[in-house]
Amino acid sequence: MDLGALLEPIQKFFGEGIGKLIADFASLLYQLLYPSNAEAAQPIEIPK
């Protein structure tokens, strides 16, 4: 079973037209419902 053959039509659908609109809306909805609220990681000094 060729995974590329299975994924190619899905990539084409979500890459243009109504599929791109659906993907953009789903991404926006995800960002609104689950916002990133964590600060960026910063290195800390480990005591010896």
PDB file of N, CA and C in Angstrom:
ATOM      1  N   MET A   1       0.843  -1.170   0.000  1.00  0.00           N
ATOM      2  CA  MET A   1       0.000   0.000   0.000  1.00  0.00           C
ATOM      3  C   MET A   1       0.895   1.243   0.000  1.00  0.00           C
ATOM      4  N   ASP A   2       0.682   2.106  -0.960  1.00  0.00           N
ATOM      5  CA  ASP A   2       1.498   3.307  -1.117  1.00  0.00           C
ATOM      6  C   ASP A   2       0.862   4.470  -0.361  1.00  0.00           C
ATOM      7  N   LEU A   3       1.542   4.927   0.679  1.00  0.00           N
ATOM      8  CA  LEU A   3       1.018   6.015   1.505  1.00  0.00           C
ATOM      9  C   LEU A   3       0.930   7.313   0.710  1.00  0.00           C
ATOM     10  N   GLY A   4       1.886   7.536  -0.169  1.00  0.00           N
ATOM     11  CA  GLY A   4       1.869   8.738  -1.002  1.00  0.00           C
ATOM     12  C   GLY A   4       0.638   8.806  -1.888  1.00  0.00           C
ATOM     13  N   ALA A   5       0.219   7.658  -2.410  1.00  0.00           N
ATOM     14  CA  ALA A   5      -0.969   7.613  -3.261  1.00  0.00           C
ATOM     15  C   ALA A   5      -2.233   7.913  -2.462  1.00  0.00           C
ATOM     16  N   LEU A   6      -2.224   7.589  -1.183  1.00  0.00           N
ATOM     17  CA  LEU A   6      -3.386   7.875  -0.342  1.00  0.00           C
ATOM     18  C   LEU A   6      -3.432   9.344   0.086  1.00  0.00           C
ATOM     19  N   LEU A   7      -2.273   9.924   0.344  1.00  0.00           N
ATOM     20  CA  LEU A   7      -2.228  11.291   0.863  1.00  0.00           C
ATOM     21  C   LEU A   7      -2.292  12.368  -0.218  1.00  0.00           C
ATOM     22  N   GLU A   8      -1.916  12.035  -1.430  1.00  0.00           N
ATOM     23  CA  GLU A   8      -1.878  13.037  -2.496  1.00  0.00           C
ATOM     24  C   GLU A   8      -3.239  13.690  -2.759  1.00  0.00           C
ATOM     25  N   PRO A   9      -4.338  12.937  -2.881  1.00  0.00           N
ATOM     26  CA  PRO A   9      -5.634  13.600  -3.097  1.00  0.00           C
ATOM     27  C   PRO A   9      -6.062  14.472  -1.918  1.00  0.00           C
ATOM     28  N   ILE A  10      -5.696  14.063  -0.712  1.00  0.00           N
ATOM     29  CA  ILE A  10      -6.042  14.854   0.476  1.00  0.00           C
ATOM     30  C   ILE A  10      -5.276  16.167   0.461  1.00  0.00           C
ATOM     31  N   GLN A  11      -3.984  16.109   0.111  1.00  0.00           N
ATOM     32  CA  GLN A  11      -3.177  17.328   0.032  1.00  0.00           C
ATOM     33  C   GLN A  11      -3.701  18.259  -1.058  1.00  0.00           C
ATOM     34  N   LYS A  12      -4.112  17.703  -2.177  1.00  0.00           N
ATOM     35  CA  LYS A  12      -4.650  18.531  -3.255  1.00  0.00           C
ATOM     36  C   LYS A  12      -5.946  19.205  -2.817  1.00  0.00           C
ATOM     37  N   PHE A  13      -6.810  18.454  -2.120  1.00  0.00           N
ATOM     38  CA  PHE A  13      -8.090  19.005  -1.685  1.00  0.00           C
ATOM     39  C   PHE A  13      -7.891  20.164  -0.718  1.00  0.00           C
ATOM     40  N   PHE A  14      -7.033  19.974   0.290  1.00  0.00           N
ATOM     41  CA  PHE A  14      -6.828  21.015   1.289  1.00  0.00           C
ATOM     42  C   PHE A  14      -5.838  22.087   0.836  1.00  0.00           C
ATOM     43  N   GLY A  15      -5.321  21.973  -0.354  1.00  0.00           N
ATOM     44  CA  GLY A  15      -4.364  22.947  -0.857  1.00  0.00           C
ATOM     45  C   GLY A  15      -4.966  24.012  -1.753  1.00  0.00           C
ATOM     46  N   GLU A  16      -6.207  23.808  -2.197  1.00  0.00           N
ATOM     47  CA  GLU A  16      -6.796  24.768  -3.126  1.00  0.00           C
ATOM     48  C   GLU A  16      -8.316  24.773  -3.005  1.00  0.00           C
ATOM     49  N   GLY A  17      -8.922  25.852  -3.413  1.00  0.00           N
ATOM     50  CA  GLY A  17     -10.373  25.956  -3.471  1.00  0.00           C
ATOM     51  C   GLY A  17     -11.063  25.857  -2.125  1.00  0.00           C
ATOM     52  N   ILE A  18     -12.197  25.141  -2.128  1.00  0.00           N
ATOM     53  CA  ILE A  18     -13.020  25.011  -0.926  1.00  0.00           C
ATOM     54  C   ILE A  18     -12.281  24.242   0.168  1.00  0.00           C
ATOM     55  N   GLY A  19     -11.425  23.330  -0.207  1.00  0.00           N
ATOM     56  CA  GLY A  19     -10.650  22.582   0.782  1.00  0.00           C
ATOM     57  C   GLY A  19      -9.711  23.486   1.562  1.00  0.00           C
ATOM     58  N   LYS A  20      -9.089  24.451   0.879  1.00  0.00           N
ATOM     59  CA  LYS A  20      -8.201  25.405   1.559  1.00  0.00           C
ATOM     60  C   LYS A  20      -9.006  26.282   2.501  1.00  0.00           C
ATOM     61  N   LEU A  21     -10.194  26.673   2.084  1.00  0.00           N
ATOM     62  CA  LEU A  21     -11.064  27.476   2.936  1.00  0.00           C
ATOM     63  C   LEU A  21     -11.440  26.700   4.197  1.00  0.00           C
ATOM     64  N   ILE A  22     -11.766  25.433   4.050  1.00  0.00           N
ATOM     65  CA  ILE A  22     -12.106  24.590   5.200  1.00  0.00           C
ATOM     66  C   ILE A  22     -10.900  24.441   6.126  1.00  0.00           C
ATOM     67  N   ALA A  23      -9.728  24.204   5.567  1.00  0.00           N
ATOM     68  CA  ALA A  23      -8.514  24.037   6.375  1.00  0.00           C
ATOM     69  C   ALA A  23      -8.169  25.325   7.117  1.00  0.00           C
ATOM     70  N   ASP A  24      -8.295  26.471   6.457  1.00  0.00           N
ATOM     71  CA  ASP A  24      -8.011  27.754   7.107  1.00  0.00           C
ATOM     72  C   ASP A  24      -8.999  28.027   8.235  1.00  0.00           C
ATOM     73  N   PHE A  25     -10.272  27.715   8.018  1.00  0.00           N
ATOM     74  CA  PHE A  25     -11.288  27.916   9.049  1.00  0.00           C
ATOM     75  C   PHE A  25     -11.034  26.993  10.236  1.00  0.00           C
ATOM     76  N   ALA A  26     -10.678  25.746   9.972  1.00  0.00           N
ATOM     77  CA  ALA A  26     -10.391  24.802  11.060  1.00  0.00           C
ATOM     78  C   ALA A  26      -9.175  25.262  11.856  1.00  0.00           C
ATOM     79  N   SER A  27      -8.173  25.780  11.177  1.00  0.00           N
ATOM     80  CA  SER A  27      -6.984  26.289  11.857  1.00  0.00           C
ATOM     81  C   SER A  27      -7.332  27.497  12.727  1.00  0.00           C
ATOM     82  N   LEU A  28      -8.127  28.407  12.213  1.00  0.00           N
ATOM     83  CA  LEU A  28      -8.559  29.576  12.979  1.00  0.00           C
ATOM     84  C   LEU A  28      -9.361  29.152  14.204  1.00  0.00           C
ATOM     85  N   LEU A  29     -10.277  28.225  14.017  1.00  0.00           N
ATOM     86  CA  LEU A  29     -11.094  27.733  15.122  1.00  0.00           C
ATOM     87  C   LEU A  29     -10.226  27.091  16.200  1.00  0.00           C
ATOM     88  N   TYR A  30      -9.244  26.309  15.793  1.00  0.00           N
ATOM     89  CA  TYR A  30      -8.333  25.674  16.750  1.00  0.00           C
ATOM     90  C   TYR A  30      -7.543  26.727  17.523  1.00  0.00           C
ATOM     91  N   GLN A  31      -7.055  27.752  16.826  1.00  0.00           N
ATOM     92  CA  GLN A  31      -6.274  28.803  17.487  1.00  0.00           C
ATOM     93  C   GLN A  31      -7.128  29.604  18.460  1.00  0.00           C
ATOM     94  N   LEU A  32      -8.398  29.797  18.146  1.00  0.00           N
ATOM     95  CA  LEU A  32      -9.281  30.531  19.050  1.00  0.00           C
ATOM     96  C   LEU A  32      -9.655  29.704  20.275  1.00  0.00           C
ATOM     97  N   LEU A  33      -9.896  28.418  20.084  1.00  0.00           N
ATOM     98  CA  LEU A  33     -10.325  27.567  21.195  1.00  0.00           C
ATOM     99  C   LEU A  33      -9.170  27.138  22.091  1.00  0.00           C
ATOM    100  N   TYR A  34      -7.985  26.996  21.525  1.00  0.00           N
ATOM    101  CA  TYR A  34      -6.833  26.528  22.289  1.00  0.00           C
ATOM    102  C   TYR A  34      -5.656  27.481  22.093  1.00  0.00           C
ATOM    103  N   PRO A  35      -5.735  28.685  22.669  1.00  0.00           N
ATOM    104  CA  PRO A  35      -4.647  29.651  22.469  1.00  0.00           C
ATOM    105  C   PRO A  35      -3.374  29.227  23.189  1.00  0.00           C
ATOM    106  N   SER A  36      -2.276  29.653  22.643  1.00  0.00           N
ATOM    107  CA  SER A  36      -0.994  29.378  23.271  1.00  0.00           C
ATOM    108  C   SER A  36      -0.823  30.350  24.429  1.00  0.00           C
ATOM    109  N   ASN A  37      -0.722  29.818  25.644  1.00  0.00           N
ATOM    110  CA  ASN A  37      -0.627  30.705  26.793  1.00  0.00           C
ATOM    111  C   ASN A  37       0.658  30.494  27.583  1.00  0.00           C
ATOM    112  N   ALA A  38       1.542  29.710  27.060  1.00  0.00           N
ATOM    113  CA  ALA A  38       2.803  29.443  27.752  1.00  0.00           C
ATOM    114  C   ALA A  38       3.885  30.374  27.213  1.00  0.00           C
ATOM    115  N   GLU A  39       4.742  30.821  28.103  1.00  0.00           N
ATOM    116  CA  GLU A  39       5.866  31.640  27.669  1.00  0.00           C
ATOM    117  C   GLU A  39       6.908  30.751  27.000  1.00  0.00           C
ATOM    118  N   ALA A  40       7.742  31.372  26.234  1.00  0.00           N
ATOM    119  CA  ALA A  40       8.804  30.627  25.562  1.00  0.00           C
ATOM    120  C   ALA A  40       9.767  30.043  26.590  1.00  0.00           C
ATOM    121  N   ALA A  41      10.322  28.910  26.281  1.00  0.00           N
ATOM    122  CA  ALA A  41      11.264  28.249  27.186  1.00  0.00           C
ATOM    123  C   ALA A  41      12.545  29.068  27.298  1.00  0.00           C
ATOM    124  N   GLN A  42      13.070  29.144  28.499  1.00  0.00           N
ATOM    125  CA  GLN A  42      14.316  29.863  28.737  1.00  0.00           C
ATOM    126  C   GLN A  42      15.271  28.939  29.474  1.00  0.00           C
ATOM    127  N   PRO A  43      16.540  29.003  29.133  1.00  0.00           N
ATOM    128  CA  PRO A  43      17.500  28.127  29.821  1.00  0.00           C
ATOM    129  C   PRO A  43      17.668  28.543  31.285  1.00  0.00           C
ATOM    130  N   ILE A  44      17.821  27.555  32.143  1.00  0.00           N
ATOM    131  CA  ILE A  44      18.080  27.834  33.557  1.00  0.00           C
ATOM    132  C   ILE A  44      19.410  27.202  33.935  1.00  0.00           C
ATOM    133  N   GLU A  45      20.055  27.786  34.901  1.00  0.00           N
ATOM    134  CA  GLU A  45      21.345  27.274  35.336  1.00  0.00           C
ATOM    135  C   GLU A  45      21.111  26.188  36.384  1.00  0.00           C
ATOM    136  N   ILE A  46      21.735  25.048  36.179  1.00  0.00           N
ATOM    137  CA  ILE A  46      21.595  23.929  37.104  1.00  0.00           C
ATOM    138  C   ILE A  46      22.680  24.040  38.167  1.00  0.00           C
ATOM    139  N   PRO A  47      22.291  24.059  39.450  1.00  0.00           N
ATOM    140  CA  PRO A  47      23.301  24.160  40.516  1.00  0.00           C
ATOM    141  C   PRO A  47      24.175  22.911  40.564  1.00  0.00           C
ATOM    142  N   LYS A  48      25.457  23.110  40.931  1.00  0.00           N
ATOM    143  CA  LYS A  48      26.395  21.980  40.986  1.00  0.00           C
ATOM    144  C   LYS A  48      26.619  21.536  42.396  1.00  0.00           C
TER     145      LYS A  48
END
